[in-house]
N, C-alpha and C. Protein backbone atom coordinates (compact mmCIF):
# COMPACT_ATOMS: atom_id res chain seq x y z
N MET A 1 88.79 230.56 79.25
CA MET A 1 88.77 229.30 78.52
C MET A 1 89.12 229.56 77.06
N ASP A 2 90.07 228.80 76.53
CA ASP A 2 90.50 228.96 75.15
C ASP A 2 89.66 228.06 74.25
N LEU A 3 88.88 228.66 73.38
CA LEU A 3 88.02 227.89 72.48
C LEU A 3 88.73 227.54 71.17
N HIS A 4 89.94 228.02 71.01
CA HIS A 4 90.71 227.74 69.80
C HIS A 4 91.63 226.54 70.06
N ILE A 5 91.09 225.37 69.82
CA ILE A 5 91.81 224.12 70.06
C ILE A 5 92.29 223.56 68.72
N ASP A 6 93.51 223.11 68.68
CA ASP A 6 94.03 222.48 67.48
C ASP A 6 93.32 221.14 67.30
N PHE A 7 92.61 220.98 66.18
CA PHE A 7 91.82 219.77 65.94
C PHE A 7 92.69 218.52 66.00
N ASP A 8 93.93 218.59 65.52
CA ASP A 8 94.82 217.43 65.56
C ASP A 8 95.06 216.95 66.99
N ASP A 9 95.08 217.89 67.94
CA ASP A 9 95.27 217.50 69.34
C ASP A 9 94.03 216.79 69.88
N VAL A 10 92.87 217.20 69.42
CA VAL A 10 91.61 216.61 69.89
C VAL A 10 91.49 215.16 69.43
N ILE A 11 91.86 214.89 68.21
CA ILE A 11 91.72 213.52 67.70
C ILE A 11 93.02 212.72 67.81
N ASP A 12 93.99 213.25 68.53
CA ASP A 12 95.24 212.54 68.83
C ASP A 12 96.03 212.15 67.58
N VAL A 13 96.19 213.11 66.67
CA VAL A 13 97.03 212.89 65.49
C VAL A 13 98.48 213.09 65.91
N PRO A 14 99.34 212.11 65.63
CA PRO A 14 100.75 212.25 66.02
C PRO A 14 101.40 213.44 65.32
N LYS A 15 102.30 214.11 66.00
CA LYS A 15 102.97 215.29 65.45
C LYS A 15 103.74 214.97 64.17
N TRP A 16 104.33 213.80 64.06
CA TRP A 16 105.11 213.45 62.89
C TRP A 16 104.26 213.36 61.63
N TYR A 17 102.95 213.19 61.77
CA TYR A 17 102.07 213.01 60.61
C TYR A 17 102.08 214.22 59.67
N VAL A 18 102.43 215.37 60.19
CA VAL A 18 102.50 216.58 59.36
C VAL A 18 103.44 216.37 58.18
N ASP A 19 104.51 215.60 58.39
CA ASP A 19 105.52 215.37 57.35
C ASP A 19 105.35 214.05 56.62
N ALA A 20 104.29 213.31 56.89
CA ALA A 20 104.10 211.98 56.30
C ALA A 20 103.82 212.05 54.80
N ALA A 21 104.46 211.18 54.05
CA ALA A 21 104.28 211.13 52.60
C ALA A 21 102.86 210.71 52.21
N CYS A 22 102.19 209.98 53.07
CA CYS A 22 100.83 209.52 52.77
C CYS A 22 99.77 210.60 53.00
N LYS A 23 100.14 211.63 53.73
CA LYS A 23 99.19 212.70 54.03
C LYS A 23 98.74 213.35 52.73
N GLY A 24 97.46 213.35 52.50
CA GLY A 24 96.91 213.95 51.30
C GLY A 24 96.93 213.04 50.08
N HIS A 25 97.39 211.79 50.25
CA HIS A 25 97.36 210.85 49.13
C HIS A 25 95.90 210.69 48.70
N PRO A 26 95.63 210.76 47.40
CA PRO A 26 94.24 210.78 46.94
C PRO A 26 93.44 209.52 47.25
N ASN A 27 94.10 208.40 47.48
CA ASN A 27 93.36 207.17 47.76
C ASN A 27 93.89 206.51 49.03
N GLN A 28 93.32 206.85 50.16
CA GLN A 28 93.76 206.28 51.44
C GLN A 28 93.50 204.78 51.51
N ASP A 29 92.63 204.26 50.64
CA ASP A 29 92.39 202.82 50.60
C ASP A 29 93.66 202.06 50.23
N ASP A 30 94.60 202.72 49.56
CA ASP A 30 95.87 202.07 49.23
C ASP A 30 96.60 201.64 50.50
N PHE A 31 96.38 202.35 51.60
CA PHE A 31 97.05 202.05 52.86
C PHE A 31 96.26 201.08 53.73
N PHE A 32 95.03 200.79 53.33
CA PHE A 32 94.18 199.85 54.05
C PHE A 32 93.54 198.89 53.04
N PRO A 33 94.39 198.10 52.38
CA PRO A 33 93.88 197.21 51.33
C PRO A 33 93.05 196.06 51.90
N ASP A 34 92.15 195.57 51.07
CA ASP A 34 91.38 194.38 51.45
C ASP A 34 92.34 193.20 51.55
N ARG A 35 91.94 192.21 52.32
CA ARG A 35 92.76 191.01 52.49
C ARG A 35 93.10 190.42 51.12
N GLY A 36 94.37 190.18 50.89
CA GLY A 36 94.82 189.61 49.64
C GLY A 36 95.10 190.63 48.54
N SER A 37 94.75 191.89 48.78
CA SER A 37 95.00 192.93 47.78
C SER A 37 96.45 193.39 47.85
N SER A 38 96.87 194.06 46.82
CA SER A 38 98.25 194.52 46.73
C SER A 38 98.56 195.63 47.72
N THR A 39 99.76 195.58 48.26
CA THR A 39 100.26 196.63 49.16
C THR A 39 101.38 197.42 48.50
N VAL A 40 101.63 197.17 47.23
CA VAL A 40 102.77 197.75 46.53
C VAL A 40 102.74 199.28 46.53
N ILE A 41 101.60 199.87 46.22
CA ILE A 41 101.52 201.33 46.15
C ILE A 41 101.84 201.96 47.50
N ALA A 42 101.20 201.46 48.55
CA ALA A 42 101.42 202.02 49.89
C ALA A 42 102.88 201.85 50.32
N LYS A 43 103.43 200.68 50.12
CA LYS A 43 104.81 200.43 50.54
C LYS A 43 105.80 201.29 49.76
N LYS A 44 105.51 201.54 48.50
CA LYS A 44 106.38 202.40 47.70
C LYS A 44 106.36 203.82 48.24
N ILE A 45 105.20 204.32 48.59
CA ILE A 45 105.08 205.66 49.17
C ILE A 45 105.81 205.71 50.51
N CYS A 46 105.64 204.69 51.31
CA CYS A 46 106.30 204.64 52.62
C CYS A 46 107.82 204.65 52.52
N MET A 47 108.37 203.99 51.52
CA MET A 47 109.82 203.90 51.39
C MET A 47 110.47 205.27 51.21
N GLY A 48 109.74 206.22 50.64
CA GLY A 48 110.29 207.55 50.46
C GLY A 48 109.84 208.54 51.52
N CYS A 49 109.22 208.06 52.57
CA CYS A 49 108.65 208.93 53.59
C CYS A 49 109.70 209.35 54.63
N PRO A 50 109.76 210.64 54.94
CA PRO A 50 110.74 211.11 55.92
C PRO A 50 110.43 210.71 57.37
N VAL A 51 109.21 210.26 57.63
CA VAL A 51 108.86 209.88 59.00
C VAL A 51 108.46 208.40 59.09
N ARG A 52 108.99 207.61 58.17
CA ARG A 52 108.65 206.18 58.11
C ARG A 52 108.94 205.46 59.43
N GLU A 53 110.08 205.71 60.02
CA GLU A 53 110.44 205.03 61.27
C GLU A 53 109.50 205.41 62.41
N GLU A 54 109.17 206.68 62.51
CA GLU A 54 108.24 207.12 63.56
C GLU A 54 106.87 206.49 63.38
N CYS A 55 106.43 206.43 62.13
CA CYS A 55 105.14 205.83 61.80
C CYS A 55 105.11 204.34 62.17
N LEU A 56 106.16 203.63 61.79
CA LEU A 56 106.24 202.21 62.10
C LEU A 56 106.25 201.98 63.61
N GLU A 57 107.04 202.75 64.32
CA GLU A 57 107.11 202.59 65.77
C GLU A 57 105.76 202.88 66.42
N TYR A 58 105.07 203.89 65.94
CA TYR A 58 103.74 204.24 66.43
C TYR A 58 102.80 203.04 66.28
N ALA A 59 102.81 202.43 65.09
CA ALA A 59 101.92 201.30 64.84
C ALA A 59 102.30 200.07 65.64
N VAL A 60 103.59 199.82 65.80
CA VAL A 60 104.05 198.66 66.58
C VAL A 60 103.65 198.83 68.04
N GLU A 61 103.89 200.00 68.59
CA GLU A 61 103.56 200.25 70.00
C GLU A 61 102.06 200.18 70.26
N ARG A 62 101.26 200.67 69.34
CA ARG A 62 99.80 200.69 69.51
C ARG A 62 99.13 199.40 69.07
N LYS A 63 99.93 198.47 68.54
CA LYS A 63 99.42 197.19 68.05
C LYS A 63 98.31 197.40 67.01
N GLU A 64 98.58 198.31 66.07
CA GLU A 64 97.63 198.57 64.99
C GLU A 64 97.38 197.27 64.23
N ARG A 65 96.13 196.94 64.04
CA ARG A 65 95.77 195.68 63.43
C ARG A 65 95.50 195.78 61.93
N PHE A 66 95.37 197.00 61.43
CA PHE A 66 95.01 197.16 60.04
C PHE A 66 95.93 198.16 59.35
N GLY A 67 96.12 197.97 58.07
CA GLY A 67 96.80 198.96 57.26
C GLY A 67 98.30 198.80 57.16
N ILE A 68 98.85 199.62 56.29
CA ILE A 68 100.29 199.69 56.08
C ILE A 68 100.78 200.90 56.86
N TRP A 69 101.68 200.68 57.77
CA TRP A 69 102.26 201.74 58.61
C TRP A 69 103.77 201.61 58.53
N GLY A 70 104.44 202.68 58.18
CA GLY A 70 105.90 202.64 58.10
C GLY A 70 106.39 201.62 57.10
N GLY A 71 105.59 201.32 56.11
CA GLY A 71 105.98 200.36 55.07
C GLY A 71 105.80 198.91 55.45
N LYS A 72 105.13 198.64 56.56
CA LYS A 72 104.95 197.25 57.02
C LYS A 72 103.48 196.91 57.18
N SER A 73 103.14 195.69 56.88
CA SER A 73 101.79 195.18 57.06
C SER A 73 101.59 194.75 58.51
N GLU A 74 100.37 194.42 58.85
CA GLU A 74 100.07 193.98 60.22
C GLU A 74 100.86 192.71 60.56
N ARG A 75 100.96 191.81 59.63
CA ARG A 75 101.73 190.58 59.86
C ARG A 75 103.21 190.89 60.10
N GLU A 76 103.76 191.81 59.32
CA GLU A 76 105.16 192.20 59.49
C GLU A 76 105.38 192.91 60.83
N ARG A 77 104.41 193.70 61.25
CA ARG A 77 104.52 194.38 62.56
C ARG A 77 104.43 193.37 63.70
N ARG A 78 103.59 192.36 63.56
CA ARG A 78 103.52 191.30 64.58
C ARG A 78 104.86 190.62 64.72
N ALA A 79 105.52 190.37 63.59
CA ALA A 79 106.84 189.73 63.62
C ALA A 79 107.85 190.62 64.34
N ILE A 80 107.76 191.92 64.15
CA ILE A 80 108.65 192.85 64.86
C ILE A 80 108.42 192.77 66.36
N ARG A 81 107.15 192.76 66.77
CA ARG A 81 106.85 192.66 68.21
C ARG A 81 107.34 191.34 68.79
N ARG A 82 107.15 190.26 68.04
CA ARG A 82 107.59 188.94 68.49
C ARG A 82 109.11 188.91 68.64
N GLU A 83 109.82 189.48 67.66
CA GLU A 83 111.28 189.52 67.71
C GLU A 83 111.75 190.34 68.92
N ARG A 84 111.09 191.43 69.19
CA ARG A 84 111.45 192.25 70.36
C ARG A 84 111.21 191.51 71.66
N ARG A 85 110.11 190.78 71.74
CA ARG A 85 109.84 189.99 72.95
C ARG A 85 110.91 188.93 73.17
N ASN A 86 111.31 188.29 72.09
CA ASN A 86 112.32 187.23 72.19
C ASN A 86 113.68 187.75 72.60
N LYS A 87 113.97 189.00 72.27
CA LYS A 87 115.25 189.61 72.66
C LYS A 87 115.23 190.08 74.11
N ALA A 88 114.04 190.32 74.64
CA ALA A 88 113.94 190.86 76.01
C ALA A 88 114.21 189.81 77.06
């Protein structure tokens, strides 16, 4: 039995997260703002992220209800899902 398990595998951290621009950001609350709070900081960080598309797709597929993922809010991700349904 191998007792050396990668912690990221245990908590299901996506592989792309290693390269995410938000990883290690000093204030993770910027990515989970209170209702009505600004999303500018998080979206600015996301725009320069090398894995933005993977992050957004992850959140859209999982129907993430909170936070900024891939530079999009929950409302913007709902619109993406709705648009995809309408095209299908």
